[in-house]
Amino acid sequence: MTVVTPLIICSASSSRFLHTGVTRLSRIRNALWMITDGRGDGKMAGSQSASVDVVREVREVPASETAQLRRDVLRGGRPVALPGDDEPAFHVGVYEGQLLVGTGNVRLDPPPFEAAAPAWRLRGMATLPSHRSQGVGALVLHALLEHCRAQGGATFWCNARTPARAFYERAGLMPIGEPWDDPEIGPHVRMWMSL
């Protein structure tokens, strides 16, 4: 499978990306994007020098490479089987060097509210607690949405934890139905968007 994977350069002085524009350098497998100010001079926005503090890479990975992070974040570290890992899915990981800081996956799975549409279900979104609110989840979600669009998906959906609802709403997903409480993993709300 092919996905355009961005290499993201961030500032140490802020958890925000240093950009007002993104310059695409190439569109090949594991393509790179550089954060710039859109002037085309190669300088990073907001700085006179190109000092790089954090480099994050998003890439396709096997489920086994992300299982421990998902267990730690989503299942309280319990050594449990992760739902869907035995089914075909597209997994991505966000890395800072060799450190996996975020992950998520998608699979073809019709939603209960629209069984006829070619739909992709998001599962296993997890970010290291030390890296939350730094754009890691947004990188994961962007890569997964791009994959689903490239595969001709019409609908994208998930069962989101209610504390993450605002994150998904900012990305364009909308709630559908009433929230519920999963006795093992807490309160959830179903969310979706058209691709």
Protein backbone atom coordinates (compact mmCIF):
# COMPACT_ATOMS: atom_id res chain seq x y z
CA MET A 1 0.00 0.00 0.00
CA THR A 2 1.15 3.51 -0.68
CA VAL A 3 0.62 6.57 1.47
CA VAL A 4 2.18 9.99 1.32
CA THR A 5 3.95 10.32 4.64
CA PRO A 6 4.98 13.74 5.91
CA LEU A 7 8.19 14.54 7.70
CA ILE A 8 7.15 17.30 10.08
CA ILE A 9 9.56 19.79 11.59
CA CYS A 10 8.43 21.44 14.82
CA SER A 11 9.69 24.13 17.15
CA ALA A 12 10.97 23.43 20.66
CA SER A 13 9.68 26.82 21.82
CA SER A 14 6.11 25.93 20.91
CA SER A 15 4.06 22.81 20.47
CA ARG A 16 2.56 24.45 17.38
CA PHE A 17 3.87 23.83 13.88
CA LEU A 18 6.02 26.65 12.51
CA HIS A 19 4.06 27.23 9.36
CA THR A 20 1.70 29.42 7.51
CA GLY A 21 2.09 27.22 4.45
CA VAL A 22 3.35 23.77 3.53
CA THR A 23 5.65 23.24 0.58
CA ARG A 24 5.34 19.77 -0.93
CA LEU A 25 8.80 18.55 -1.94
CA SER A 26 7.78 15.30 -3.60
CA ARG A 27 4.91 12.87 -3.89
CA ILE A 28 6.49 9.46 -3.69
CA ARG A 29 6.27 6.68 -1.11
CA ASN A 30 7.52 8.15 2.18
CA ALA A 31 7.41 11.61 0.62
CA LEU A 32 8.64 14.54 2.68
CA TRP A 33 6.87 17.77 3.51
CA MET A 34 8.80 20.71 4.89
CA ILE A 35 7.21 23.30 7.11
CA THR A 36 7.97 26.74 5.65
CA ASP A 37 6.52 30.20 5.66
CA GLY A 38 5.25 29.85 2.09
CA ARG A 39 7.75 32.37 0.65
CA GLY A 40 9.61 29.65 -1.22
CA ASP A 41 13.02 30.67 0.16
CA GLY A 42 13.50 27.45 2.17
CA LYS A 43 13.46 29.24 5.54
CA MET A 44 11.21 27.98 8.26
CA ALA A 45 8.38 30.25 9.27
CA GLY A 46 8.96 32.34 12.35
CA SER A 47 12.72 31.95 12.33
CA GLN A 48 15.71 33.36 10.55
CA SER A 49 17.66 30.13 10.84
CA ALA A 50 16.57 26.61 10.05
CA SER A 51 17.20 25.15 13.49
CA VAL A 52 15.27 21.92 13.83
CA ASP A 53 14.27 20.69 17.26
CA VAL A 54 11.76 17.90 16.59
CA VAL A 55 11.41 15.73 13.52
CA ARG A 56 8.40 13.47 13.26
CA GLU A 57 7.90 10.82 10.61
CA VAL A 58 4.59 9.15 9.78
CA ARG A 59 4.80 5.72 8.17
CA GLU A 60 2.84 2.54 7.59
CA VAL A 61 3.67 -0.09 10.22
CA PRO A 62 2.54 -3.60 11.18
CA ALA A 63 -0.01 -3.86 13.99
CA SER A 64 2.52 -5.63 16.19
CA GLU A 65 4.79 -2.56 16.16
CA THR A 66 2.09 -0.39 17.76
CA ALA A 67 0.39 -2.93 20.03
CA GLN A 68 2.18 -1.98 23.25
CA LEU A 69 1.46 1.74 22.84
CA ARG A 70 -2.21 0.97 22.16
CA ARG A 71 -2.41 -1.33 25.19
CA ASP A 72 -0.72 1.23 27.44
CA VAL A 73 -2.90 4.16 26.35
CA LEU A 74 -6.21 2.51 25.53
CA ARG A 75 -6.32 -0.50 27.86
CA GLY A 76 -4.45 0.75 30.93
CA GLY A 77 -1.42 -1.42 30.14
CA ARG A 78 -3.41 -4.63 30.53
CA PRO A 79 -2.06 -7.53 28.41
CA VAL A 80 -5.30 -7.96 26.46
CA ALA A 81 -6.00 -8.82 22.84
CA LEU A 82 -6.63 -5.69 20.80
CA PRO A 83 -9.91 -5.71 18.84
CA GLY A 84 -9.41 -6.05 15.10
CA ASP A 85 -5.69 -6.87 15.07
CA ASP A 86 -6.48 -10.22 13.46
CA GLU A 87 -8.33 -8.48 10.59
CA PRO A 88 -6.82 -6.70 7.55
CA ALA A 89 -6.10 -3.08 8.46
CA PHE A 90 -3.87 -0.14 7.55
CA HIS A 91 -1.74 0.98 10.53
CA VAL A 92 0.42 4.10 10.80
CA GLY A 93 2.89 5.21 13.43
CA VAL A 94 4.36 8.63 14.20
CA TYR A 95 8.02 8.45 15.21
CA GLU A 96 10.50 10.84 16.75
CA GLY A 97 13.69 9.06 15.80
CA GLN A 98 13.12 5.46 16.94
CA LEU A 99 10.43 6.39 19.48
CA LEU A 100 6.82 5.60 18.55
CA VAL A 101 4.79 8.57 19.85
CA GLY A 102 1.42 8.00 18.16
CA THR A 103 -0.56 5.47 16.15
CA GLY A 104 -3.93 4.62 14.64
CA ASN A 105 -5.44 2.27 12.09
CA VAL A 106 -8.33 1.95 9.66
CA ARG A 107 -10.16 -0.98 8.15
CA LEU A 108 -13.09 -1.50 5.81
CA ASP A 109 -16.09 -1.81 8.11
CA PRO A 110 -19.60 -0.55 7.37
CA PRO A 111 -21.03 1.66 10.09
CA PRO A 112 -24.21 0.58 11.86
CA PHE A 113 -25.96 3.70 10.58
CA GLU A 114 -25.17 3.29 6.84
CA ALA A 115 -24.33 -0.30 5.98
CA ALA A 116 -24.34 0.16 2.18
CA ALA A 117 -21.60 2.80 1.91
CA PRO A 118 -17.92 1.86 1.32
CA ALA A 119 -16.76 2.89 4.76
CA TRP A 120 -13.52 2.93 6.74
CA ARG A 121 -13.51 2.56 10.51
CA LEU A 122 -10.88 4.27 12.64
CA ARG A 123 -9.55 2.25 15.57
CA GLY A 124 -6.68 2.31 18.02
CA MET A 125 -5.82 6.02 18.05
CA ALA A 126 -3.17 6.39 20.75
CA THR A 127 -0.59 9.07 21.62
CA LEU A 128 2.05 8.90 24.32
CA PRO A 129 0.76 11.05 27.21
CA SER A 130 3.97 13.12 27.10
CA HIS A 131 3.27 14.00 23.44
CA ARG A 132 -0.40 14.96 23.62
CA SER A 133 -1.53 18.39 22.37
CA GLN A 134 1.53 18.58 20.11
CA GLY A 135 -0.10 17.62 16.78
CA VAL A 136 0.78 13.91 16.89
CA GLY A 137 -2.86 12.76 16.73
CA ALA A 138 -3.53 15.17 13.88
CA LEU A 139 -0.65 13.63 11.90
CA VAL A 140 -2.04 10.13 12.46
CA LEU A 141 -5.56 11.16 11.50
CA HIS A 142 -4.39 13.01 8.38
CA ALA A 143 -2.41 9.99 7.12
CA LEU A 144 -5.34 7.65 7.74
CA LEU A 145 -7.85 9.95 6.04
CA GLU A 146 -5.57 10.29 3.01
CA HIS A 147 -5.29 6.51 2.78
CA CYS A 148 -9.07 6.08 2.96
CA ARG A 149 -9.65 8.71 0.29
CA ALA A 150 -7.04 7.11 -1.98
CA GLN A 151 -8.85 3.77 -1.58
CA GLY A 152 -12.19 5.27 -2.66
CA GLY A 153 -13.87 5.37 0.73
CA ALA A 154 -17.14 7.26 1.03
CA THR A 155 -17.56 7.31 4.81
CA PHE A 156 -15.09 7.52 7.70
CA TRP A 157 -16.30 6.67 11.20
CA CYS A 158 -15.23 5.73 14.70
CA ASN A 159 -16.37 5.10 18.23
CA ALA A 160 -14.57 8.00 19.92
CA ARG A 161 -13.84 8.34 23.60
CA THR A 162 -15.87 11.31 24.77
CA PRO A 163 -12.80 13.23 26.04
CA ALA A 164 -11.48 13.12 22.42
CA ARG A 165 -14.73 14.36 20.86
CA ALA A 166 -13.48 17.94 20.36
CA PHE A 167 -10.32 16.64 18.61
CA TYR A 168 -12.43 14.73 16.08
CA GLU A 169 -14.85 17.62 15.64
CA ARG A 170 -11.91 19.92 14.77
CA ALA A 171 -10.97 17.38 12.08
CA GLY A 172 -14.49 17.52 10.61
CA LEU A 173 -16.15 14.47 12.15
CA MET A 174 -19.68 14.83 13.50
CA PRO A 175 -21.36 12.90 16.32
CA ILE A 176 -24.22 10.58 15.43
CA GLY A 177 -26.47 9.02 18.02
CA GLU A 178 -26.23 9.19 21.78
CA PRO A 179 -23.06 8.67 23.86
CA TRP A 180 -22.76 5.39 25.79
CA ASP A 181 -20.53 3.97 28.47
CA ASP A 182 -18.38 0.93 27.71
CA PRO A 183 -17.83 -0.78 31.07
CA GLU A 184 -14.21 -1.72 30.23
CA ILE A 185 -12.96 1.44 28.53
CA GLY A 186 -15.31 4.28 29.41
CA PRO A 187 -17.71 6.72 27.70
CA HIS A 188 -17.85 6.85 23.89
CA VAL A 189 -19.72 8.60 21.11
CA ARG A 190 -20.00 7.44 17.49
CA MET A 191 -18.62 9.98 15.00
CA TRP A 192 -18.40 10.13 11.22
CA MET A 193 -17.63 12.21 8.14
CA SER A 194 -18.06 11.94 4.38
CA LEU A 195 -14.88 11.49 2.41
